[in-house]
Amino acid sequence: MAMEITVQVPETLGKQLQAWQGRLPEILERGLRELMAEQSSLVQDESAIMDILTSRPTPDQVLAIHPSPELQARVSELLHRNKEGELDPREEAELERFLTLEHLVRLAKAHAYGQLMK
C-alpha cells in the first residue's frame, strides 16, 4: 500500500531532488532514519544525566556531568533559531526541556561543590 504526500520545498532543493525523483521514498526513509537516530541519541543523553542525578551520586560524579557534543550542538542550534524567532512549538518545548535539565545540573553542581568545600 502506498500513500501520496505533497511537500513544498525551496526551489533550490526541488531542483536537486528532480535528479533523484525515482529514489525519493528511499531518500526520505534514509533521512528519517538519521533524524530518529539523532533524536534517540539526545534522549539517551538526557536519560543518562537524569540517571546520574537520581542515583545518589557523589559530589565528584555530579561535577563530572557534561552533555555530549551532540546535545551541546542541538541546544546551540535551538538557542540560535530561538533568537531568530524560527522555532516551532515542538522545538520550543524541546529547548525548554533542555534548559530545565541544564538548570537542574547547575543546581546539583553548586550543591556538590558546596559539599566538597565543607
C-alpha atoms as a PDB file:
ATOM      1  CA  MET A   1       0.000   0.000   0.000  1.00  0.00           C
ATOM      2  CA  ALA A   2       1.312   3.461  -0.843  1.00  0.00           C
ATOM      3  CA  MET A   3       0.478   6.931   0.373  1.00  0.00           C
ATOM      4  CA  GLU A   4       0.756  10.139  -1.593  1.00  0.00           C
ATOM      5  CA  ILE A   5       2.275  13.129   0.210  1.00  0.00           C
ATOM      6  CA  THR A   6       2.664  16.631  -1.191  1.00  0.00           C
ATOM      7  CA  VAL A   7       5.526  18.692   0.202  1.00  0.00           C
ATOM      8  CA  GLN A   8       6.590  22.226  -0.644  1.00  0.00           C
ATOM      9  CA  VAL A   9      10.358  22.710  -0.674  1.00  0.00           C
ATOM     10  CA  PRO A  10      12.589  25.639  -1.577  1.00  0.00           C
ATOM     11  CA  GLU A  11      13.280  25.908  -5.300  1.00  0.00           C
ATOM     12  CA  THR A  12      16.962  25.021  -4.966  1.00  0.00           C
ATOM     13  CA  LEU A  13      16.126  21.824  -3.073  1.00  0.00           C
ATOM     14  CA  GLY A  14      13.421  20.993  -5.600  1.00  0.00           C
ATOM     15  CA  LYS A  15      15.938  21.236  -8.430  1.00  0.00           C
ATOM     16  CA  GLN A  16      18.329  18.944  -6.573  1.00  0.00           C
ATOM     17  CA  LEU A  17      15.574  16.434  -5.888  1.00  0.00           C
ATOM     18  CA  GLN A  18      14.488  16.286  -9.534  1.00  0.00           C
ATOM     19  CA  ALA A  19      17.634  14.331 -10.347  1.00  0.00           C
ATOM     20  CA  TRP A  20      16.671  11.785  -7.679  1.00  0.00           C
ATOM     21  CA  GLN A  21      12.945  11.673  -8.367  1.00  0.00           C
ATOM     22  CA  GLY A  22      12.835   7.891  -8.732  1.00  0.00           C
ATOM     23  CA  ARG A  23      14.511   7.430  -5.340  1.00  0.00           C
ATOM     24  CA  LEU A  24      12.547   9.955  -3.252  1.00  0.00           C
ATOM     25  CA  PRO A  25      10.990   7.309  -0.963  1.00  0.00           C
ATOM     26  CA  GLU A  26      14.471   5.920  -0.243  1.00  0.00           C
ATOM     27  CA  ILE A  27      15.855   9.418   0.393  1.00  0.00           C
ATOM     28  CA  LEU A  28      13.028  10.197   2.808  1.00  0.00           C
ATOM     29  CA  GLU A  29      13.450   6.869   4.582  1.00  0.00           C
ATOM     30  CA  ARG A  30      17.217   7.364   4.994  1.00  0.00           C
ATOM     31  CA  GLY A  31      16.754  10.931   6.227  1.00  0.00           C
ATOM     32  CA  LEU A  32      14.040   9.891   8.657  1.00  0.00           C
ATOM     33  CA  ARG A  33      16.207   7.059   9.995  1.00  0.00           C
ATOM     34  CA  GLU A  34      19.079   9.501  10.546  1.00  0.00           C
ATOM     35  CA  LEU A  35      16.841  12.015  12.327  1.00  0.00           C
ATOM     36  CA  MET A  36      15.354   9.312  14.531  1.00  0.00           C
ATOM     37  CA  ALA A  37      18.829   8.056  15.469  1.00  0.00           C
ATOM     38  CA  GLU A  38      19.908  11.602  16.300  1.00  0.00           C
ATOM     39  CA  GLN A  39      16.820  12.153  18.444  1.00  0.00           C
ATOM     40  CA  SER A  40      17.362   8.808  20.156  1.00  0.00           C
ATOM     41  CA  SER A  41      20.940   9.826  20.962  1.00  0.00           C
ATOM     42  CA  LEU A  42      19.740  13.099  22.511  1.00  0.00           C
ATOM     43  CA  VAL A  43      17.097  11.301  24.570  1.00  0.00           C
ATOM     44  CA  GLN A  44      19.712   8.792  25.748  1.00  0.00           C
ATOM     45  CA  ASP A  45      21.982  11.695  26.758  1.00  0.00           C
ATOM     46  CA  GLU A  46      19.127  13.259  28.730  1.00  0.00           C
ATOM     47  CA  SER A  47      18.319   9.918  30.341  1.00  0.00           C
ATOM     48  CA  ALA A  48      21.948   9.323  31.279  1.00  0.00           C
ATOM     49  CA  ILE A  49      22.145  12.705  33.010  1.00  0.00           C
ATOM     50  CA  MET A  50      18.891  12.074  34.863  1.00  0.00           C
ATOM     51  CA  ASP A  51      20.090   8.585  35.862  1.00  0.00           C
ATOM     52  CA  ILE A  52      23.206  10.111  37.413  1.00  0.00           C
ATOM     53  CA  LEU A  53      21.251  12.813  39.230  1.00  0.00           C
ATOM     54  CA  THR A  54      18.763  10.324  40.676  1.00  0.00           C
ATOM     55  CA  SER A  55      21.309   7.675  41.708  1.00  0.00           C
ATOM     56  CA  ARG A  56      22.577   9.456  44.828  1.00  0.00           C
ATOM     57  CA  PRO A  57      25.872  10.344  43.129  1.00  0.00           C
ATOM     58  CA  THR A  58      28.988  11.515  44.891  1.00  0.00           C
ATOM     59  CA  PRO A  59      29.863  15.217  44.560  1.00  0.00           C
ATOM     60  CA  ASP A  60      32.660  14.267  42.165  1.00  0.00           C
ATOM     61  CA  GLN A  61      30.234  12.336  39.958  1.00  0.00           C
ATOM     62  CA  VAL A  62      27.897  15.332  39.831  1.00  0.00           C
ATOM     63  CA  LEU A  63      30.729  17.701  38.951  1.00  0.00           C
ATOM     64  CA  ALA A  64      31.780  15.352  36.141  1.00  0.00           C
ATOM     65  CA  ILE A  65      28.398  15.604  34.363  1.00  0.00           C
ATOM     66  CA  HIS A  66      28.773  17.057  30.879  1.00  0.00           C
ATOM     67  CA  PRO A  67      26.431  16.937  27.899  1.00  0.00           C
ATOM     68  CA  SER A  68      27.529  15.065  24.820  1.00  0.00           C
ATOM     69  CA  PRO A  69      28.782  17.100  21.858  1.00  0.00           C
ATOM     70  CA  GLU A  70      25.560  16.169  20.043  1.00  0.00           C
ATOM     71  CA  LEU A  71      23.402  17.554  22.837  1.00  0.00           C
ATOM     72  CA  GLN A  72      25.509  20.712  23.047  1.00  0.00           C
ATOM     73  CA  ALA A  73      25.194  21.205  19.291  1.00  0.00           C
ATOM     74  CA  ARG A  74      21.418  20.693  19.364  1.00  0.00           C
ATOM     75  CA  VAL A  75      20.938  23.158  22.224  1.00  0.00           C
ATOM     76  CA  SER A  76      23.155  25.714  20.457  1.00  0.00           C
ATOM     77  CA  GLU A  77      21.141  25.295  17.278  1.00  0.00           C
ATOM     78  CA  LEU A  78      17.843  25.705  19.124  1.00  0.00           C
ATOM     79  CA  LEU A  79      19.103  28.772  21.008  1.00  0.00           C
ATOM     80  CA  HIS A  80      20.259  30.397  17.768  1.00  0.00           C
ATOM     81  CA  ARG A  81      16.993  29.643  15.984  1.00  0.00           C
ATOM     82  CA  ASN A  82      15.057  30.876  19.024  1.00  0.00           C
ATOM     83  CA  LYS A  83      16.835  34.237  18.821  1.00  0.00           C
ATOM     84  CA  GLU A  84      15.773  34.418  15.174  1.00  0.00           C
ATOM     85  CA  GLY A  85      12.185  33.546  16.111  1.00  0.00           C
ATOM     86  CA  GLU A  86      12.280  30.392  13.978  1.00  0.00           C
ATOM     87  CA  LEU A  87      11.241  27.668  16.435  1.00  0.00           C
ATOM     88  CA  ASP A  88       8.039  25.723  16.018  1.00  0.00           C
ATOM     89  CA  PRO A  89       6.094  24.729  19.159  1.00  0.00           C
ATOM     90  CA  ARG A  90       7.726  21.276  19.312  1.00  0.00           C
ATOM     91  CA  GLU A  91      11.194  22.809  19.170  1.00  0.00           C
ATOM     92  CA  GLU A  92      10.245  25.391  21.809  1.00  0.00           C
ATOM     93  CA  ALA A  93       9.238  22.538  24.133  1.00  0.00           C
ATOM     94  CA  GLU A  94      12.453  20.681  23.329  1.00  0.00           C
ATOM     95  CA  LEU A  95      14.535  23.777  24.140  1.00  0.00           C
ATOM     96  CA  GLU A  96      12.621  24.340  27.367  1.00  0.00           C
ATOM     97  CA  ARG A  97      13.244  20.731  28.391  1.00  0.00           C
ATOM     98  CA  PHE A  98      16.987  21.069  27.722  1.00  0.00           C
ATOM     99  CA  LEU A  99      17.176  24.375  29.600  1.00  0.00           C
ATOM    100  CA  THR A 100      15.359  22.850  32.578  1.00  0.00           C
ATOM    101  CA  LEU A 101      17.791  19.930  32.572  1.00  0.00           C
ATOM    102  CA  GLU A 102      20.732  22.334  32.417  1.00  0.00           C
ATOM    103  CA  HIS A 103      19.296  24.296  35.348  1.00  0.00           C
ATOM    104  CA  LEU A 104      18.951  21.111  37.420  1.00  0.00           C
ATOM    105  CA  VAL A 105      22.526  20.111  36.632  1.00  0.00           C
ATOM    106  CA  ARG A 106      23.812  23.570  37.603  1.00  0.00           C
ATOM    107  CA  LEU A 107      21.947  23.402  40.914  1.00  0.00           C
ATOM    108  CA  ALA A 108      23.291  19.910  41.569  1.00  0.00           C
ATOM    109  CA  LYS A 109      26.834  21.027  40.734  1.00  0.00           C
ATOM    110  CA  ALA A 110      26.567  24.041  43.045  1.00  0.00           C
ATOM    111  CA  HIS A 111      25.357  21.760  45.825  1.00  0.00           C
ATOM    112  CA  ALA A 112      28.123  19.206  45.116  1.00  0.00           C
ATOM    113  CA  TYR A 113      30.759  21.924  45.123  1.00  0.00           C
ATOM    114  CA  GLY A 114      29.462  23.127  48.490  1.00  0.00           C
ATOM    115  CA  GLN A 115      29.721  19.601  49.880  1.00  0.00           C
ATOM    116  CA  LEU A 116      33.331  19.327  48.756  1.00  0.00           C
ATOM    117  CA  MET A 117      34.216  22.655  50.401  1.00  0.00           C
ATOM    118  CA  LYS A 118      32.992  21.511  53.843  1.00  0.00           C
END
